[in-house]
PDB file of N, CA and C in Angstrom:
ATOM      1  N   MET A   1      -0.241  62.484 -71.498  1.00  0.00           N
ATOM      2  CA  MET A   1      -0.809  61.412 -72.295  1.00  0.00           C
ATOM      3  C   MET A   1      -1.079  60.228 -71.325  1.00  0.00           C
ATOM      4  N   LYS A   2      -2.201  59.541 -71.591  1.00  0.00           N
ATOM      5  CA  LYS A   2      -2.543  58.400 -70.761  1.00  0.00           C
ATOM      6  C   LYS A   2      -1.726  57.224 -71.101  1.00  0.00           C
ATOM      7  N   GLU A   3      -1.441  56.411 -70.155  1.00  0.00           N
ATOM      8  CA  GLU A   3      -0.581  55.258 -70.396  1.00  0.00           C
ATOM      9  C   GLU A   3      -1.357  53.985 -70.449  1.00  0.00           C
ATOM     10  N   ILE A   4      -0.743  53.001 -71.127  1.00  0.00           N
ATOM     11  CA  ILE A   4      -1.310  51.630 -71.260  1.00  0.00           C
ATOM     12  C   ILE A   4      -0.950  50.935 -69.977  1.00  0.00           C
ATOM     13  N   LYS A   5      -1.878  50.236 -69.378  1.00  0.00           N
ATOM     14  CA  LYS A   5      -1.585  49.466 -68.143  1.00  0.00           C
ATOM     15  C   LYS A   5      -1.324  48.032 -68.414  1.00  0.00           C
ATOM     16  N   PHE A   6      -0.238  47.487 -67.872  1.00  0.00           N
ATOM     17  CA  PHE A   6       0.163  46.103 -68.033  1.00  0.00           C
ATOM     18  C   PHE A   6       0.153  45.420 -66.734  1.00  0.00           C
ATOM     19  N   ASN A   7      -0.296  44.147 -66.705  1.00  0.00           N
ATOM     20  CA  ASN A   7      -0.249  43.295 -65.549  1.00  0.00           C
ATOM     21  C   ASN A   7       0.335  42.065 -66.004  1.00  0.00           C
ATOM     22  N   LYS A   8       1.571  41.700 -65.574  1.00  0.00           N
ATOM     23  CA  LYS A   8       2.235  40.559 -66.031  1.00  0.00           C
ATOM     24  C   LYS A   8       2.390  39.588 -64.895  1.00  0.00           C
ATOM     25  N   THR A   9       1.956  38.357 -65.083  1.00  0.00           N
ATOM     26  CA  THR A   9       2.131  37.330 -64.030  1.00  0.00           C
ATOM     27  C   THR A   9       2.728  36.024 -64.639  1.00  0.00           C
ATOM     28  N   GLU A  10       3.488  35.381 -63.852  1.00  0.00           N
ATOM     29  CA  GLU A  10       4.089  34.025 -64.307  1.00  0.00           C
ATOM     30  C   GLU A  10       3.570  32.971 -63.347  1.00  0.00           C
ATOM     31  N   LYS A  11       2.938  31.956 -63.926  1.00  0.00           N
ATOM     32  CA  LYS A  11       2.506  30.765 -63.138  1.00  0.00           C
ATOM     33  C   LYS A  11       3.061  29.555 -63.766  1.00  0.00           C
ATOM     34  N   ASP A  12       3.803  28.808 -63.043  1.00  0.00           N
ATOM     35  CA  ASP A  12       4.355  27.491 -63.576  1.00  0.00           C
ATOM     36  C   ASP A  12       4.996  27.663 -64.855  1.00  0.00           C
ATOM     37  N   ASP A  13       4.459  27.213 -65.957  1.00  0.00           N
ATOM     38  CA  ASP A  13       5.075  27.336 -67.226  1.00  0.00           C
ATOM     39  C   ASP A  13       4.264  28.281 -68.060  1.00  0.00           C
ATOM     40  N   GLN A  14       3.515  29.178 -67.538  1.00  0.00           N
ATOM     41  CA  GLN A  14       2.685  30.119 -68.267  1.00  0.00           C
ATOM     42  C   GLN A  14       3.055  31.587 -67.936  1.00  0.00           C
ATOM     43  N   LEU A  15       3.000  32.448 -68.957  1.00  0.00           N
ATOM     44  CA  LEU A  15       3.209  33.855 -68.753  1.00  0.00           C
ATOM     45  C   LEU A  15       1.945  34.506 -69.234  1.00  0.00           C
ATOM     46  N   ILE A  16       1.252  35.234 -68.289  1.00  0.00           N
ATOM     47  CA  ILE A  16      -0.032  35.809 -68.593  1.00  0.00           C
ATOM     48  C   ILE A  16       0.099  37.383 -68.498  1.00  0.00           C
ATOM     49  N   VAL A  17      -0.255  38.016 -69.640  1.00  0.00           N
ATOM     50  CA  VAL A  17      -0.147  39.502 -69.669  1.00  0.00           C
ATOM     51  C   VAL A  17      -1.498  40.117 -69.910  1.00  0.00           C
ATOM     52  N   ASP A  18      -2.017  40.919 -68.992  1.00  0.00           N
ATOM     53  CA  ASP A  18      -3.255  41.604 -69.126  1.00  0.00           C
ATOM     54  C   ASP A  18      -2.875  43.036 -69.540  1.00  0.00           C
ATOM     55  N   VAL A  19      -3.670  43.551 -70.560  1.00  0.00           N
ATOM     56  CA  VAL A  19      -3.415  44.841 -71.152  1.00  0.00           C
ATOM     57  C   VAL A  19      -4.700  45.648 -70.997  1.00  0.00           C
ATOM     58  N   GLU A  20      -4.614  46.898 -70.552  1.00  0.00           N
ATOM     59  CA  GLU A  20      -5.772  47.776 -70.525  1.00  0.00           C
ATOM     60  C   GLU A  20      -5.388  49.192 -71.099  1.00  0.00           C
ATOM     61  N   LEU A  21      -6.177  49.553 -72.109  1.00  0.00           N
ATOM     62  CA  LEU A  21      -5.998  50.801 -72.769  1.00  0.00           C
ATOM     63  C   LEU A  21      -6.830  51.894 -72.067  1.00  0.00           C
ATOM     64  N   PRO A  22      -6.395  53.153 -72.075  1.00  0.00           N
ATOM     65  CA  PRO A  22      -7.194  54.179 -71.472  1.00  0.00           C
ATOM     66  C   PRO A  22      -8.374  54.534 -72.428  1.00  0.00           C
ATOM     67  N   ARG A  23      -9.503  54.931 -71.792  1.00  0.00           N
ATOM     68  CA  ARG A  23     -10.736  55.239 -72.577  1.00  0.00           C
ATOM     69  C   ARG A  23     -10.543  56.672 -73.056  1.00  0.00           C
ATOM     70  N   ARG A  24     -11.043  56.923 -74.281  1.00  0.00           N
ATOM     71  CA  ARG A  24     -11.105  58.247 -74.872  1.00  0.00           C
ATOM     72  C   ARG A  24     -12.430  58.941 -74.444  1.00  0.00           C
ATOM     73  N   PHE A  25     -12.422  60.123 -73.925  1.00  0.00           N
ATOM     74  CA  PHE A  25     -13.646  60.838 -73.613  1.00  0.00           C
ATOM     75  C   PHE A  25     -13.902  61.924 -74.603  1.00  0.00           C
ATOM     76  N   LEU A  26     -12.818  62.517 -75.088  1.00  0.00           N
ATOM     77  CA  LEU A  26     -13.006  63.635 -76.109  1.00  0.00           C
ATOM     78  C   LEU A  26     -12.475  63.187 -77.455  1.00  0.00           C
ATOM     79  N   GLN A  27     -12.980  63.747 -78.424  1.00  0.00           N
ATOM     80  CA  GLN A  27     -12.626  63.427 -79.829  1.00  0.00           C
ATOM     81  C   GLN A  27     -11.170  63.894 -80.189  1.00  0.00           C
ATOM     82  N   VAL A  28     -10.666  64.919 -79.431  1.00  0.00           N
ATOM     83  CA  VAL A  28      -9.344  65.323 -79.677  1.00  0.00           C
ATOM     84  C   VAL A  28      -8.290  64.474 -79.095  1.00  0.00           C
ATOM     85  N   GLU A  29      -8.640  63.629 -78.212  1.00  0.00           N
ATOM     86  CA  GLU A  29      -7.659  62.611 -77.584  1.00  0.00           C
ATOM     87  C   GLU A  29      -7.214  61.682 -78.611  1.00  0.00           C
ATOM     88  N   PRO A  30      -5.958  61.235 -78.562  1.00  0.00           N
ATOM     89  CA  PRO A  30      -5.405  60.351 -79.594  1.00  0.00           C
ATOM     90  C   PRO A  30      -6.041  58.961 -79.483  1.00  0.00           C
ATOM     91  N   VAL A  31      -6.136  58.257 -80.681  1.00  0.00           N
ATOM     92  CA  VAL A  31      -6.557  56.850 -80.675  1.00  0.00           C
ATOM     93  C   VAL A  31      -5.310  56.009 -80.401  1.00  0.00           C
ATOM     94  N   ILE A  32      -5.480  55.042 -79.493  1.00  0.00           N
ATOM     95  CA  ILE A  32      -4.404  54.117 -79.164  1.00  0.00           C
ATOM     96  C   ILE A  32      -4.785  52.741 -79.662  1.00  0.00           C
ATOM     97  N   ASN A  33      -3.851  52.182 -80.411  1.00  0.00           N
ATOM     98  CA  ASN A  33      -4.003  50.784 -80.823  1.00  0.00           C
ATOM     99  C   ASN A  33      -2.966  49.875 -80.255  1.00  0.00           C
ATOM    100  N   PHE A  34      -3.255  48.673 -79.983  1.00  0.00           N
ATOM    101  CA  PHE A  34      -2.342  47.738 -79.354  1.00  0.00           C
ATOM    102  C   PHE A  34      -2.577  46.367 -80.033  1.00  0.00           C
ATOM    103  N   SER A  35      -1.410  45.816 -80.632  1.00  0.00           N
ATOM    104  CA  SER A  35      -1.507  44.558 -81.361  1.00  0.00           C
ATOM    105  C   SER A  35      -0.500  43.560 -80.879  1.00  0.00           C
ATOM    106  N   ASN A  36      -0.405  42.498 -81.562  1.00  0.00           N
ATOM    107  CA  ASN A  36       0.570  41.449 -81.157  1.00  0.00           C
ATOM    108  C   ASN A  36       2.026  41.949 -81.323  1.00  0.00           C
ATOM    109  N   SER A  37       2.283  42.813 -82.361  1.00  0.00           N
ATOM    110  CA  SER A  37       3.638  43.361 -82.540  1.00  0.00           C
ATOM    111  C   SER A  37       3.954  44.311 -81.378  1.00  0.00           C
ATOM    112  N   ASP A  38       2.972  44.997 -80.823  1.00  0.00           N
ATOM    113  CA  ASP A  38       3.221  45.794 -79.631  1.00  0.00           C
ATOM    114  C   ASP A  38       3.464  44.980 -78.394  1.00  0.00           C
ATOM    115  N   MET A  39       2.817  43.800 -78.354  1.00  0.00           N
ATOM    116  CA  MET A  39       3.091  42.878 -77.196  1.00  0.00           C
ATOM    117  C   MET A  39       4.511  42.334 -77.286  1.00  0.00           C
ATOM    118  N   ILE A  40       4.955  42.044 -78.487  1.00  0.00           N
ATOM    119  CA  ILE A  40       6.308  41.558 -78.683  1.00  0.00           C
ATOM    120  C   ILE A  40       7.302  42.600 -78.184  1.00  0.00           C
ATOM    121  N   ALA A  41       7.105  43.877 -78.574  1.00  0.00           N
ATOM    122  CA  ALA A  41       8.053  44.935 -78.222  1.00  0.00           C
ATOM    123  C   ALA A  41       7.983  45.128 -76.715  1.00  0.00           C
ATOM    124  N   TYR A  42       6.832  44.966 -76.060  1.00  0.00           N
ATOM    125  CA  TYR A  42       6.750  45.128 -74.623  1.00  0.00           C
ATOM    126  C   TYR A  42       7.510  44.030 -73.889  1.00  0.00           C
ATOM    127  N   LEU A  43       7.351  42.771 -74.354  1.00  0.00           N
ATOM    128  CA  LEU A  43       8.065  41.632 -73.714  1.00  0.00           C
ATOM    129  C   LEU A  43       9.570  41.772 -73.894  1.00  0.00           C
ATOM    130  N   GLU A  44      10.013  42.297 -75.104  1.00  0.00           N
ATOM    131  CA  GLU A  44      11.476  42.510 -75.236  1.00  0.00           C
ATOM    132  C   GLU A  44      11.971  43.614 -74.293  1.00  0.00           C
ATOM    133  N   GLU A  45      11.168  44.647 -74.056  1.00  0.00           N
ATOM    134  CA  GLU A  45      11.597  45.629 -73.030  1.00  0.00           C
ATOM    135  C   GLU A  45      11.763  45.028 -71.644  1.00  0.00           C
ATOM    136  N   CYS A  46      10.919  44.014 -71.364  1.00  0.00           N
ATOM    137  CA  CYS A  46      10.996  43.325 -70.047  1.00  0.00           C
ATOM    138  C   CYS A  46      12.056  42.209 -69.952  1.00  0.00           C
ATOM    139  N   ASP A  47      12.854  42.132 -71.008  1.00  0.00           N
ATOM    140  CA  ASP A  47      13.928  41.168 -71.138  1.00  0.00           C
ATOM    141  C   ASP A  47      13.330  39.711 -71.064  1.00  0.00           C
ATOM    142  N   ILE A  48      12.253  39.476 -71.652  1.00  0.00           N
ATOM    143  CA  ILE A  48      11.685  38.086 -71.796  1.00  0.00           C
ATOM    144  C   ILE A  48      11.998  37.555 -73.150  1.00  0.00           C
ATOM    145  N   LYS A  49      12.646  36.366 -73.190  1.00  0.00           N
ATOM    146  CA  LYS A  49      12.983  35.846 -74.520  1.00  0.00           C
ATOM    147  C   LYS A  49      11.804  35.102 -75.103  1.00  0.00           C
ATOM    148  N   LEU A  50      11.297  35.668 -76.239  1.00  0.00           N
ATOM    149  CA  LEU A  50      10.056  35.098 -76.856  1.00  0.00           C
ATOM    150  C   LEU A  50      10.340  33.742 -77.524  1.00  0.00           C
ATOM    151  N   GLN A  51      11.584  33.407 -77.843  1.00  0.00           N
ATOM    152  CA  GLN A  51      11.817  32.110 -78.401  1.00  0.00           C
ATOM    153  C   GLN A  51      11.592  31.027 -77.393  1.00  0.00           C
ATOM    154  N   ASP A  52      11.467  31.341 -76.081  1.00  0.00           N
ATOM    155  CA  ASP A  52      11.215  30.314 -75.134  1.00  0.00           C
ATOM    156  C   ASP A  52       9.686  30.050 -74.916  1.00  0.00           C
ATOM    157  N   TYR A  53       8.833  30.861 -75.556  1.00  0.00           N
ATOM    158  CA  TYR A  53       7.409  30.828 -75.345  1.00  0.00           C
ATOM    159  C   TYR A  53       6.620  30.633 -76.627  1.00  0.00           C
ATOM    160  N   ASP A  54       5.452  30.078 -76.497  1.00  0.00           N
ATOM    161  CA  ASP A  54       4.482  29.944 -77.592  1.00  0.00           C
ATOM    162  C   ASP A  54       3.235  30.685 -77.126  1.00  0.00           C
ATOM    163  N   LEU A  55       2.629  31.431 -78.071  1.00  0.00           N
ATOM    164  CA  LEU A  55       1.357  32.071 -77.776  1.00  0.00           C
ATOM    165  C   LEU A  55       0.209  31.009 -77.744  1.00  0.00           C
ATOM    166  N   SER A  56      -0.392  30.760 -76.598  1.00  0.00           N
ATOM    167  CA  SER A  56      -1.363  29.731 -76.482  1.00  0.00           C
ATOM    168  C   SER A  56      -2.785  30.312 -76.656  1.00  0.00           C
ATOM    169  N   SER A  57      -3.010  31.544 -76.201  1.00  0.00           N
ATOM    170  CA  SER A  57      -4.414  32.180 -76.401  1.00  0.00           C
ATOM    171  C   SER A  57      -4.286  33.640 -76.192  1.00  0.00           C
ATOM    172  N   GLN A  58      -5.317  34.289 -76.784  1.00  0.00           N
ATOM    173  CA  GLN A  58      -5.425  35.676 -76.572  1.00  0.00           C
ATOM    174  C   GLN A  58      -6.876  36.046 -76.727  1.00  0.00           C
ATOM    175  N   THR A  59      -7.371  37.097 -75.993  1.00  0.00           N
ATOM    176  CA  THR A  59      -8.757  37.389 -76.063  1.00  0.00           C
ATOM    177  C   THR A  59      -9.094  38.230 -77.341  1.00  0.00           C
ATOM    178  N   HIS A  60      -8.268  39.120 -77.779  1.00  0.00           N
ATOM    179  CA  HIS A  60      -8.501  39.855 -78.968  1.00  0.00           C
ATOM    180  C   HIS A  60      -7.132  39.976 -79.697  1.00  0.00           C
ATOM    181  N   THR A  61      -7.231  39.972 -81.013  1.00  0.00           N
ATOM    182  CA  THR A  61      -5.936  40.160 -81.777  1.00  0.00           C
ATOM    183  C   THR A  61      -5.422  41.604 -81.741  1.00  0.00           C
ATOM    184  N   GLN A  62      -6.336  42.532 -81.562  1.00  0.00           N
ATOM    185  CA  GLN A  62      -5.977  43.979 -81.533  1.00  0.00           C
ATOM    186  C   GLN A  62      -6.916  44.684 -80.599  1.00  0.00           C
ATOM    187  N   LEU A  63      -6.345  45.578 -79.827  1.00  0.00           N
ATOM    188  CA  LEU A  63      -7.049  46.441 -78.874  1.00  0.00           C
ATOM    189  C   LEU A  63      -7.069  47.847 -79.508  1.00  0.00           C
ATOM    190  N   THR A  64      -8.143  48.598 -79.312  1.00  0.00           N
ATOM    191  CA  THR A  64      -8.230  49.911 -79.824  1.00  0.00           C
ATOM    192  C   THR A  64      -9.076  50.753 -78.882  1.00  0.00           C
ATOM    193  N   SER A  65      -8.708  52.023 -78.836  1.00  0.00           N
ATOM    194  CA  SER A  65      -9.540  52.988 -78.030  1.00  0.00           C
ATOM    195  C   SER A  65     -10.529  53.709 -78.906  1.00  0.00           C
ATOM    196  N   TYR A  66     -10.499  53.433 -80.204  1.00  0.00           N
ATOM    197  CA  TYR A  66     -11.388  54.081 -81.166  1.00  0.00           C
ATOM    198  C   TYR A  66     -12.829  53.513 -80.909  1.00  0.00           C
ATOM    199  N   ALA A  67     -13.786  54.417 -80.952  1.00  0.00           N
ATOM    200  CA  ALA A  67     -15.145  53.998 -80.902  1.00  0.00           C
ATOM    201  C   ALA A  67     -16.043  54.901 -81.799  1.00  0.00           C
ATOM    202  N   ASP A  68     -17.094  54.368 -82.387  1.00  0.00           N
ATOM    203  CA  ASP A  68     -18.061  55.091 -83.116  1.00  0.00           C
ATOM    204  C   ASP A  68     -19.464  54.591 -82.748  1.00  0.00           C
ATOM    205  N   LYS A  69     -20.472  55.038 -83.453  1.00  0.00           N
ATOM    206  CA  LYS A  69     -21.814  54.623 -83.094  1.00  0.00           C
ATOM    207  C   LYS A  69     -22.116  53.174 -83.212  1.00  0.00           C
ATOM    208  N   ALA A  70     -21.364  52.501 -84.162  1.00  0.00           N
ATOM    209  CA  ALA A  70     -21.584  51.100 -84.428  1.00  0.00           C
ATOM    210  C   ALA A  70     -20.664  50.203 -83.583  1.00  0.00           C
ATOM    211  N   ASN A  71     -19.539  50.726 -83.275  1.00  0.00           N
ATOM    212  CA  ASN A  71     -18.540  49.883 -82.635  1.00  0.00           C
ATOM    213  C   ASN A  71     -18.074  50.454 -81.311  1.00  0.00           C
ATOM    214  N   GLU A  72     -18.041  49.628 -80.291  1.00  0.00           N
ATOM    215  CA  GLU A  72     -17.474  49.996 -78.982  1.00  0.00           C
ATOM    216  C   GLU A  72     -15.945  49.795 -78.999  1.00  0.00           C
ATOM    217  N   PRO A  73     -15.198  50.483 -78.126  1.00  0.00           N
ATOM    218  CA  PRO A  73     -13.755  50.329 -78.165  1.00  0.00           C
ATOM    219  C   PRO A  73     -13.461  48.983 -77.488  1.00  0.00           C
ATOM    220  N   VAL A  74     -12.354  48.374 -77.875  1.00  0.00           N
ATOM    221  CA  VAL A  74     -11.834  47.179 -77.262  1.00  0.00           C
ATOM    222  C   VAL A  74     -10.685  47.578 -76.410  1.00  0.00           C
ATOM    223  N   LEU A  75     -10.898  47.716 -75.151  1.00  0.00           N
ATOM    224  CA  LEU A  75      -9.921  48.343 -74.172  1.00  0.00           C
ATOM    225  C   LEU A  75      -9.091  47.342 -73.408  1.00  0.00           C
ATOM    226  N   GLN A  76      -9.649  46.079 -73.300  1.00  0.00           N
ATOM    227  CA  GLN A  76      -8.898  45.074 -72.433  1.00  0.00           C
ATOM    228  C   GLN A  76      -8.663  43.825 -73.204  1.00  0.00           C
ATOM    229  N   GLY A  77      -7.533  43.183 -72.956  1.00  0.00           N
ATOM    230  CA  GLY A  77      -7.182  41.903 -73.558  1.00  0.00           C
ATOM    231  C   GLY A  77      -6.175  41.185 -72.690  1.00  0.00           C
ATOM    232  N   THR A  78      -6.129  39.856 -72.942  1.00  0.00           N
ATOM    233  CA  THR A  78      -5.246  39.028 -72.213  1.00  0.00           C
ATOM    234  C   THR A  78      -4.489  38.113 -73.171  1.00  0.00           C
ATOM    235  N   TRP A  79      -3.133  38.088 -73.023  1.00  0.00           N
ATOM    236  CA  TRP A  79      -2.358  37.163 -73.870  1.00  0.00           C
ATOM    237  C   TRP A  79      -1.743  36.134 -72.890  1.00  0.00           C
ATOM    238  N   VAL A  80      -1.880  34.872 -73.296  1.00  0.00           N
ATOM    239  CA  VAL A  80      -1.309  33.812 -72.499  1.00  0.00           C
ATOM    240  C   VAL A  80      -0.206  33.068 -73.305  1.00  0.00           C
ATOM    241  N   PHE A  81       0.959  33.015 -72.732  1.00  0.00           N
ATOM    242  CA  PHE A  81       2.048  32.354 -73.385  1.00  0.00           C
ATOM    243  C   PHE A  81       2.452  31.151 -72.601  1.00  0.00           C
ATOM    244  N   THR A  82       2.782  30.024 -73.269  1.00  0.00           N
ATOM    245  CA  THR A  82       3.159  28.797 -72.592  1.00  0.00           C
ATOM    246  C   THR A  82       4.601  28.532 -72.968  1.00  0.00           C
ATOM    247  N   LYS A  83       5.343  28.212 -71.920  1.00  0.00           N
ATOM    248  CA  LYS A  83       6.775  27.952 -72.095  1.00  0.00           C
ATOM    249  C   LYS A  83       6.975  26.697 -72.951  1.00  0.00           C
ATOM    250  N   LYS A  84       7.922  26.707 -73.884  1.00  0.00           N
ATOM    251  CA  LYS A  84       8.186  25.557 -74.756  1.00  0.00           C
ATOM    252  C   LYS A  84       8.884  24.523 -73.976  1.00  0.00           C
ATOM    253  N   GLN A  85       8.570  23.278 -74.289  1.00  0.00           N
ATOM    254  CA  GLN A  85       9.235  22.126 -73.633  1.00  0.00           C
ATOM    255  C   GLN A  85      10.591  21.981 -74.246  1.00  0.00           C
ATOM    256  N   LYS A  86      11.569  21.598 -73.460  1.00  0.00           N
ATOM    257  CA  LYS A  86      12.887  21.365 -73.876  1.00  0.00           C
ATOM    258  C   LYS A  86      12.932  20.040 -74.680  1.00  0.00           C
ATOM    259  N   LYS A  87      13.516  20.029 -75.814  1.00  0.00           N
ATOM    260  CA  LYS A  87      13.583  18.847 -76.644  1.00  0.00           C
ATOM    261  C   LYS A  87      14.804  18.023 -76.164  1.00  0.00           C
ATOM    262  N   VAL A  88      14.522  16.786 -76.005  1.00  0.00           N
ATOM    263  CA  VAL A  88      15.684  15.816 -75.629  1.00  0.00           C
ATOM    264  C   VAL A  88      16.030  15.131 -76.860  1.00  0.00           C
ATOM    265  N   ASN A  89      17.341  15.162 -77.154  1.00  0.00           N
ATOM    266  CA  ASN A  89      17.823  14.394 -78.288  1.00  0.00           C
ATOM    267  C   ASN A  89      18.030  12.934 -77.926  1.00  0.00           C
ATOM    268  N   LYS A  90      17.243  12.110 -78.505  1.00  0.00           N
ATOM    269  CA  LYS A  90      17.379  10.685 -78.307  1.00  0.00           C
ATOM    270  C   LYS A  90      18.143  10.068 -79.449  1.00  0.00           C
ATOM    271  N   SER A  91      19.136   9.247 -79.096  1.00  0.00           N
ATOM    272  CA  SER A  91      19.886   8.566 -80.225  1.00  0.00           C
ATOM    273  C   SER A  91      19.086   7.390 -80.632  1.00  0.00           C
ATOM    274  N   LYS A  92      19.067   7.141 -81.937  1.00  0.00           N
ATOM    275  CA  LYS A  92      18.305   6.066 -82.474  1.00  0.00           C
ATOM    276  C   LYS A  92      19.097   4.797 -82.167  1.00  0.00           C
ATOM    277  N   THR A  93      18.295   3.810 -81.639  1.00  0.00           N
ATOM    278  CA  THR A  93      18.917   2.534 -81.308  1.00  0.00           C
ATOM    279  C   THR A  93      18.890   1.663 -82.464  1.00  0.00           C
ATOM    280  N   ARG A  94      19.928   0.925 -82.734  1.00  0.00           N
ATOM    281  CA  ARG A  94      20.071   0.016 -83.939  1.00  0.00           C
ATOM    282  C   ARG A  94      20.007  -1.389 -83.313  1.00  0.00           C
ATOM    283  N   SER A  95      19.245  -2.165 -83.946  1.00  0.00           N
ATOM    284  CA  SER A  95      19.218  -3.566 -83.482  1.00  0.00           C
ATOM    285  C   SER A  95      20.436  -4.330 -84.153  1.00  0.00           C
ATOM    286  N   TYR A  96      20.995  -5.171 -83.356  1.00  0.00           N
ATOM    287  CA  TYR A  96      22.183  -5.941 -83.850  1.00  0.00           C
ATOM    288  C   TYR A  96      21.676  -7.298 -84.229  1.00  0.00           C
ATOM    289  N   ASN A  97      21.883  -7.684 -85.385  1.00  0.00           N
ATOM    290  CA  ASN A  97      21.482  -8.974 -85.873  1.00  0.00           C
ATOM    291  C   ASN A  97      22.622  -9.998 -85.734  1.00  0.00           C
ATOM    292  N   LYS A  98      22.482 -10.949 -84.780  1.00  0.00           N
ATOM    293  CA  LYS A  98      23.551 -11.825 -84.460  1.00  0.00           C
ATOM    294  C   LYS A  98      23.646 -12.944 -85.598  1.00  0.00           C
ATOM    295  N   ASN A  99      22.624 -13.154 -86.298  1.00  0.00           N
ATOM    296  CA  ASN A  99      22.599 -14.209 -87.321  1.00  0.00           C
ATOM    297  C   ASN A  99      23.497 -13.897 -88.491  1.00  0.00           C
ATOM    298  N   LYS A 100      23.659 -12.594 -88.748  1.00  0.00           N
ATOM    299  CA  LYS A 100      24.511 -12.250 -89.934  1.00  0.00           C
ATOM    300  C   LYS A 100      25.963 -12.168 -89.503  1.00  0.00           C
ATOM    301  N   GLU A 101      26.748 -12.975 -90.147  1.00  0.00           N
ATOM    302  CA  GLU A 101      28.191 -12.900 -89.793  1.00  0.00           C
ATOM    303  C   GLU A 101      28.899 -12.658 -91.062  1.00  0.00           C
ATOM    304  N   ASP A 102      30.031 -11.991 -91.006  1.00  0.00           N
ATOM    305  CA  ASP A 102      30.846 -11.649 -92.131  1.00  0.00           C
ATOM    306  C   ASP A 102      31.568 -13.006 -92.542  1.00  0.00           C
ATOM    307  N   SER A 103      31.097 -13.628 -93.542  1.00  0.00           N
ATOM    308  CA  SER A 103      31.723 -14.852 -93.957  1.00  0.00           C
ATOM    309  C   SER A 103      32.070 -14.640 -95.428  1.00  0.00           C
ATOM    310  N   LYS A 104      33.292 -15.163 -95.780  1.00  0.00           N
ATOM    311  CA  LYS A 104      33.588 -15.133 -97.191  1.00  0.00           C
ATOM    312  C   LYS A 104      33.377 -16.381 -97.823  1.00  0.00           C
ATOM    313  N   THR A 105      32.760 -16.357 -98.938  1.00  0.00           N
ATOM    314  CA  THR A 105      32.480 -17.618 -99.637  1.00  0.00           C
ATOM    315  C   THR A 105      33.245 -17.636-100.949  1.00  0.00           C
ATOM    316  N   GLY A 106      33.376 -18.771-101.527  1.00  0.00           N
ATOM    317  CA  GLY A 106      34.017 -19.007-102.821  1.00  0.00           C
ATOM    318  C   GLY A 106      35.476 -19.283-102.766  1.00  0.00           C
ATOM    319  N   GLU A 107      35.995 -20.171-101.878  1.00  0.00           N
ATOM    320  CA  GLU A 107      37.310 -20.449-101.896  1.00  0.00           C
ATOM    321  C   GLU A 107      37.554 -21.754-102.489  1.00  0.00           C
TER     322      GLU A 107
END
């Protein structure tokens, strides 16, 4: 069986994954589909934590090797993930009003 080709590169805070499906030449060859859920499974196999990344762009939502007279197969696609920025917890500053003093009245 033909295999799906992956090319994974990391640049700065981006993860770029290029995917290429094999072309079908005969009708008896199986149809291969590749979607976002397959991408998630692939990244988990590579030990990449998806909670650290956001999907910033993709060329196609689904790749397929299926073709007919009206539709060409979609064999190549690129997924670009951007690393999430670390959130810094800032404490809220409270202004201190010096004019207010605790004074008891009514003696």
